[in-house]
Amino acid sequence: SNNADPTFYVKLYGAHNDTGNIFVVHDDQIGLNLTNTFLVFTEEDIGDLLKIRLSWEGQSESLSSVIKYLKSSLWNWNTKAAKPVLEVRRIRVKAGETQKKFTFCVEDFSKAQISPGESLTFVKCRDGWEVKPRQRLPM
């Protein structure tokens, strides 16, 4: 399958304050090998965003996760269900009020894979997403 249906939460760590776990709403399934976009909203002023923790809810942590697990198990009853794994290397953030863009890279590149019940931590990094000044080419 080229899609996954995880239940994600993010925790935002700021210079002034941290949020609790914020449920990530995604209308469509997560496309594999694609860029997926989500809106995460907090009313708290956390200051400058320093770090992000992405958590994939475990298969028994909520009723919706239990139902998703049972559905996938029923469809795969004759085969051993493989543990779902996603690789997440970076998260790009655009701040709502200022529209500033930031990139957060996984803290440990050797551990960029996430499965149900696991978390990944992302820290600010540079990856060329900054707006570069345009140069005119002589014609």
C-alpha atoms as a PDB file:
ATOM      1  CA  SER A   1       0.000   0.000   0.000  1.00  0.00           C
ATOM      2  CA  ASN A   2       1.150   3.536  -0.720  1.00  0.00           C
ATOM      3  CA  ASN A   3      -0.762   5.039   2.210  1.00  0.00           C
ATOM      4  CA  ALA A   4      -0.821   4.750   5.991  1.00  0.00           C
ATOM      5  CA  ASP A   5      -3.421   5.797   8.537  1.00  0.00           C
ATOM      6  CA  PRO A   6      -1.499   6.654  11.717  1.00  0.00           C
ATOM      7  CA  THR A   7      -2.788   8.627  14.693  1.00  0.00           C
ATOM      8  CA  PHE A   8      -0.145  11.300  15.347  1.00  0.00           C
ATOM      9  CA  TYR A   9       0.379  13.787  18.150  1.00  0.00           C
ATOM     10  CA  VAL A  10       2.944  16.587  18.332  1.00  0.00           C
ATOM     11  CA  LYS A  11       4.368  18.307  21.364  1.00  0.00           C
ATOM     12  CA  LEU A  12       5.892  21.725  20.729  1.00  0.00           C
ATOM     13  CA  TYR A  13       8.783  22.907  22.898  1.00  0.00           C
ATOM     14  CA  GLY A  14       9.163  26.677  23.005  1.00  0.00           C
ATOM     15  CA  ALA A  15      11.487  29.225  24.568  1.00  0.00           C
ATOM     16  CA  HIS A  16       8.774  30.274  27.068  1.00  0.00           C
ATOM     17  CA  ASN A  17       6.495  27.258  27.374  1.00  0.00           C
ATOM     18  CA  ASP A  18       5.720  23.771  26.025  1.00  0.00           C
ATOM     19  CA  THR A  19       2.388  22.478  24.783  1.00  0.00           C
ATOM     20  CA  GLY A  20       0.749  19.231  25.760  1.00  0.00           C
ATOM     21  CA  ASN A  21       0.232  16.577  23.100  1.00  0.00           C
ATOM     22  CA  ILE A  22      -1.702  18.099  20.191  1.00  0.00           C
ATOM     23  CA  PHE A  23      -3.702  15.715  17.987  1.00  0.00           C
ATOM     24  CA  VAL A  24      -2.675  15.992  14.317  1.00  0.00           C
ATOM     25  CA  VAL A  25      -5.751  16.134  12.105  1.00  0.00           C
ATOM     26  CA  HIS A  26      -5.264  14.736   8.615  1.00  0.00           C
ATOM     27  CA  ASP A  27      -8.277  14.344   6.345  1.00  0.00           C
ATOM     28  CA  ASP A  28      -6.567  11.944   3.959  1.00  0.00           C
ATOM     29  CA  GLN A  29      -4.335   8.968   4.575  1.00  0.00           C
ATOM     30  CA  ILE A  30      -0.618   9.651   4.882  1.00  0.00           C
ATOM     31  CA  GLY A  31       1.004   9.256   1.471  1.00  0.00           C
ATOM     32  CA  LEU A  32       4.222   7.273   1.576  1.00  0.00           C
ATOM     33  CA  ASN A  33       7.252   8.843  -0.116  1.00  0.00           C
ATOM     34  CA  LEU A  34       5.321  12.110  -0.297  1.00  0.00           C
ATOM     35  CA  THR A  35       5.210  15.434   1.485  1.00  0.00           C
ATOM     36  CA  ASN A  36       2.202  15.474   3.815  1.00  0.00           C
ATOM     37  CA  THR A  37       0.807  18.767   5.118  1.00  0.00           C
ATOM     38  CA  PHE A  38      -1.004  19.347   8.420  1.00  0.00           C
ATOM     39  CA  LEU A  39      -2.244  22.300  10.397  1.00  0.00           C
ATOM     40  CA  VAL A  40      -1.389  22.243  14.091  1.00  0.00           C
ATOM     41  CA  PHE A  41      -2.842  25.007  16.221  1.00  0.00           C
ATOM     42  CA  THR A  42      -2.106  26.184  19.740  1.00  0.00           C
ATOM     43  CA  GLU A  43      -3.503  29.208  21.539  1.00  0.00           C
ATOM     44  CA  GLU A  44      -0.584  29.221  23.968  1.00  0.00           C
ATOM     45  CA  ASP A  45       2.312  31.601  23.361  1.00  0.00           C
ATOM     46  CA  ILE A  46       5.254  29.237  23.597  1.00  0.00           C
ATOM     47  CA  GLY A  47       7.819  31.727  22.272  1.00  0.00           C
ATOM     48  CA  ASP A  48      10.286  30.659  19.597  1.00  0.00           C
ATOM     49  CA  LEU A  49       9.776  27.031  18.619  1.00  0.00           C
ATOM     50  CA  LEU A  50      12.881  25.063  19.638  1.00  0.00           C
ATOM     51  CA  LYS A  51      11.961  21.401  19.322  1.00  0.00           C
ATOM     52  CA  ILE A  52       9.117  19.135  18.134  1.00  0.00           C
ATOM     53  CA  ARG A  53       8.229  15.653  19.363  1.00  0.00           C
ATOM     54  CA  LEU A  54       6.161  13.556  16.938  1.00  0.00           C
ATOM     55  CA  SER A  55       4.377  10.587  18.534  1.00  0.00           C
ATOM     56  CA  TRP A  56       2.539   7.771  16.760  1.00  0.00           C
ATOM     57  CA  GLU A  57      -0.221   6.507  19.023  1.00  0.00           C
ATOM     58  CA  GLY A  58       0.159   2.856  20.008  1.00  0.00           C
ATOM     59  CA  GLN A  59      -2.298   0.216  18.805  1.00  0.00           C
ATOM     60  CA  SER A  60      -4.046  -0.005  22.192  1.00  0.00           C
ATOM     61  CA  GLU A  61      -3.874   3.620  23.375  1.00  0.00           C
ATOM     62  CA  SER A  62      -7.317   4.712  22.139  1.00  0.00           C
ATOM     63  CA  LEU A  63     -10.501   3.211  20.742  1.00  0.00           C
ATOM     64  CA  SER A  64      -9.755   4.551  17.245  1.00  0.00           C
ATOM     65  CA  SER A  65      -6.288   2.935  17.277  1.00  0.00           C
ATOM     66  CA  VAL A  66      -7.746  -0.392  18.454  1.00  0.00           C
ATOM     67  CA  ILE A  67     -10.327  -0.280  15.633  1.00  0.00           C
ATOM     68  CA  LYS A  68      -7.638   0.557  13.022  1.00  0.00           C
ATOM     69  CA  TYR A  69      -5.508  -2.333  14.309  1.00  0.00           C
ATOM     70  CA  LEU A  70      -8.432  -4.785  14.232  1.00  0.00           C
ATOM     71  CA  LYS A  71      -9.362  -3.735  10.674  1.00  0.00           C
ATOM     72  CA  SER A  72      -5.811  -4.242   9.425  1.00  0.00           C
ATOM     73  CA  SER A  73      -5.568  -7.566  11.288  1.00  0.00           C
ATOM     74  CA  LEU A  74      -8.818  -8.840   9.775  1.00  0.00           C
ATOM     75  CA  TRP A  75      -7.712  -7.965   6.248  1.00  0.00           C
ATOM     76  CA  ASN A  76      -4.358  -9.659   6.830  1.00  0.00           C
ATOM     77  CA  TRP A  77      -5.607 -12.653   8.843  1.00  0.00           C
ATOM     78  CA  ASN A  78      -3.719 -15.217   6.783  1.00  0.00           C
ATOM     79  CA  THR A  79      -0.410 -13.364   6.846  1.00  0.00           C
ATOM     80  CA  LYS A  80       1.627 -12.118   9.740  1.00  0.00           C
ATOM     81  CA  ALA A  81       0.906  -8.400   9.916  1.00  0.00           C
ATOM     82  CA  ALA A  82       4.100  -6.408   9.553  1.00  0.00           C
ATOM     83  CA  LYS A  83       4.622  -3.606  12.028  1.00  0.00           C
ATOM     84  CA  PRO A  84       3.905  -0.352  10.180  1.00  0.00           C
ATOM     85  CA  VAL A  85       6.945   1.899   9.859  1.00  0.00           C
ATOM     86  CA  LEU A  86       7.296   5.435   8.539  1.00  0.00           C
ATOM     87  CA  GLU A  87      10.561   7.293   8.037  1.00  0.00           C
ATOM     88  CA  VAL A  88      10.368  10.977   8.922  1.00  0.00           C
ATOM     89  CA  ARG A  89      13.558  12.945   8.390  1.00  0.00           C
ATOM     90  CA  ARG A  90      12.333  16.513   8.623  1.00  0.00           C
ATOM     91  CA  ILE A  91       9.379  18.655   9.534  1.00  0.00           C
ATOM     92  CA  ARG A  92       8.921  22.045   7.935  1.00  0.00           C
ATOM     93  CA  VAL A  93       7.013  24.659   9.891  1.00  0.00           C
ATOM     94  CA  LYS A  94       5.417  27.905   8.791  1.00  0.00           C
ATOM     95  CA  ALA A  95       4.415  30.089  11.730  1.00  0.00           C
ATOM     96  CA  GLY A  96       0.852  31.351  11.328  1.00  0.00           C
ATOM     97  CA  GLU A  97       1.211  34.947  12.489  1.00  0.00           C
ATOM     98  CA  THR A  98       4.645  35.780  11.108  1.00  0.00           C
ATOM     99  CA  GLN A  99       4.659  33.331   8.153  1.00  0.00           C
ATOM    100  CA  LYS A 100       8.326  32.621   9.006  1.00  0.00           C
ATOM    101  CA  LYS A 101       9.549  29.240   7.806  1.00  0.00           C
ATOM    102  CA  PHE A 102      11.692  26.840   9.811  1.00  0.00           C
ATOM    103  CA  THR A 103      13.019  23.341   9.260  1.00  0.00           C
ATOM    104  CA  PHE A 104      13.354  20.755  12.009  1.00  0.00           C
ATOM    105  CA  CYS A 105      15.471  17.642  11.389  1.00  0.00           C
ATOM    106  CA  VAL A 106      15.266  14.378  13.274  1.00  0.00           C
ATOM    107  CA  GLU A 107      17.624  14.589  16.252  1.00  0.00           C
ATOM    108  CA  ASP A 108      19.280  11.234  15.508  1.00  0.00           C
ATOM    109  CA  PHE A 109      19.472  10.450  11.764  1.00  0.00           C
ATOM    110  CA  SER A 110      20.170   6.774  12.528  1.00  0.00           C
ATOM    111  CA  LYS A 111      16.733   6.620  14.193  1.00  0.00           C
ATOM    112  CA  ALA A 112      14.426   8.343  11.688  1.00  0.00           C
ATOM    113  CA  GLN A 113      11.843   5.538  11.632  1.00  0.00           C
ATOM    114  CA  ILE A 114       8.671   5.604  13.703  1.00  0.00           C
ATOM    115  CA  SER A 115       6.083   2.892  14.427  1.00  0.00           C
ATOM    116  CA  PRO A 116       2.950   2.793  16.605  1.00  0.00           C
ATOM    117  CA  GLY A 117       3.785   3.571  20.238  1.00  0.00           C
ATOM    118  CA  GLU A 118       7.007   5.421  19.366  1.00  0.00           C
ATOM    119  CA  SER A 119       8.166   9.046  19.213  1.00  0.00           C
ATOM    120  CA  LEU A 120      10.767  11.025  17.285  1.00  0.00           C
ATOM    121  CA  THR A 121      12.338  14.322  18.336  1.00  0.00           C
ATOM    122  CA  PHE A 122      13.140  17.059  15.814  1.00  0.00           C
ATOM    123  CA  VAL A 123      15.458  20.044  16.338  1.00  0.00           C
ATOM    124  CA  LYS A 124      15.965  23.205  14.285  1.00  0.00           C
ATOM    125  CA  CYS A 125      18.288  22.724  11.348  1.00  0.00           C
ATOM    126  CA  ARG A 126      19.089  24.231   7.973  1.00  0.00           C
ATOM    127  CA  ASP A 127      18.119  22.408   4.817  1.00  0.00           C
ATOM    128  CA  GLY A 128      17.979  25.064   2.139  1.00  0.00           C
ATOM    129  CA  TRP A 129      14.298  25.910   2.591  1.00  0.00           C
ATOM    130  CA  GLU A 130      15.180  29.536   3.287  1.00  0.00           C
ATOM    131  CA  VAL A 131      14.208  31.963   0.546  1.00  0.00           C
ATOM    132  CA  LYS A 132      17.235  32.614  -1.611  1.00  0.00           C
ATOM    133  CA  PRO A 133      17.674  35.976  -3.342  1.00  0.00           C
ATOM    134  CA  ARG A 134      17.004  35.696  -7.046  1.00  0.00           C
ATOM    135  CA  GLN A 135      19.853  36.463  -9.384  1.00  0.00           C
ATOM    136  CA  ARG A 136      19.307  37.761 -12.870  1.00  0.00           C
ATOM    137  CA  LEU A 137      21.112  35.860 -15.549  1.00  0.00           C
ATOM    138  CA  PRO A 138      22.577  37.975 -18.347  1.00  0.00           C
ATOM    139  CA  MET A 139      20.902  37.241 -21.662  1.00  0.00           C
END
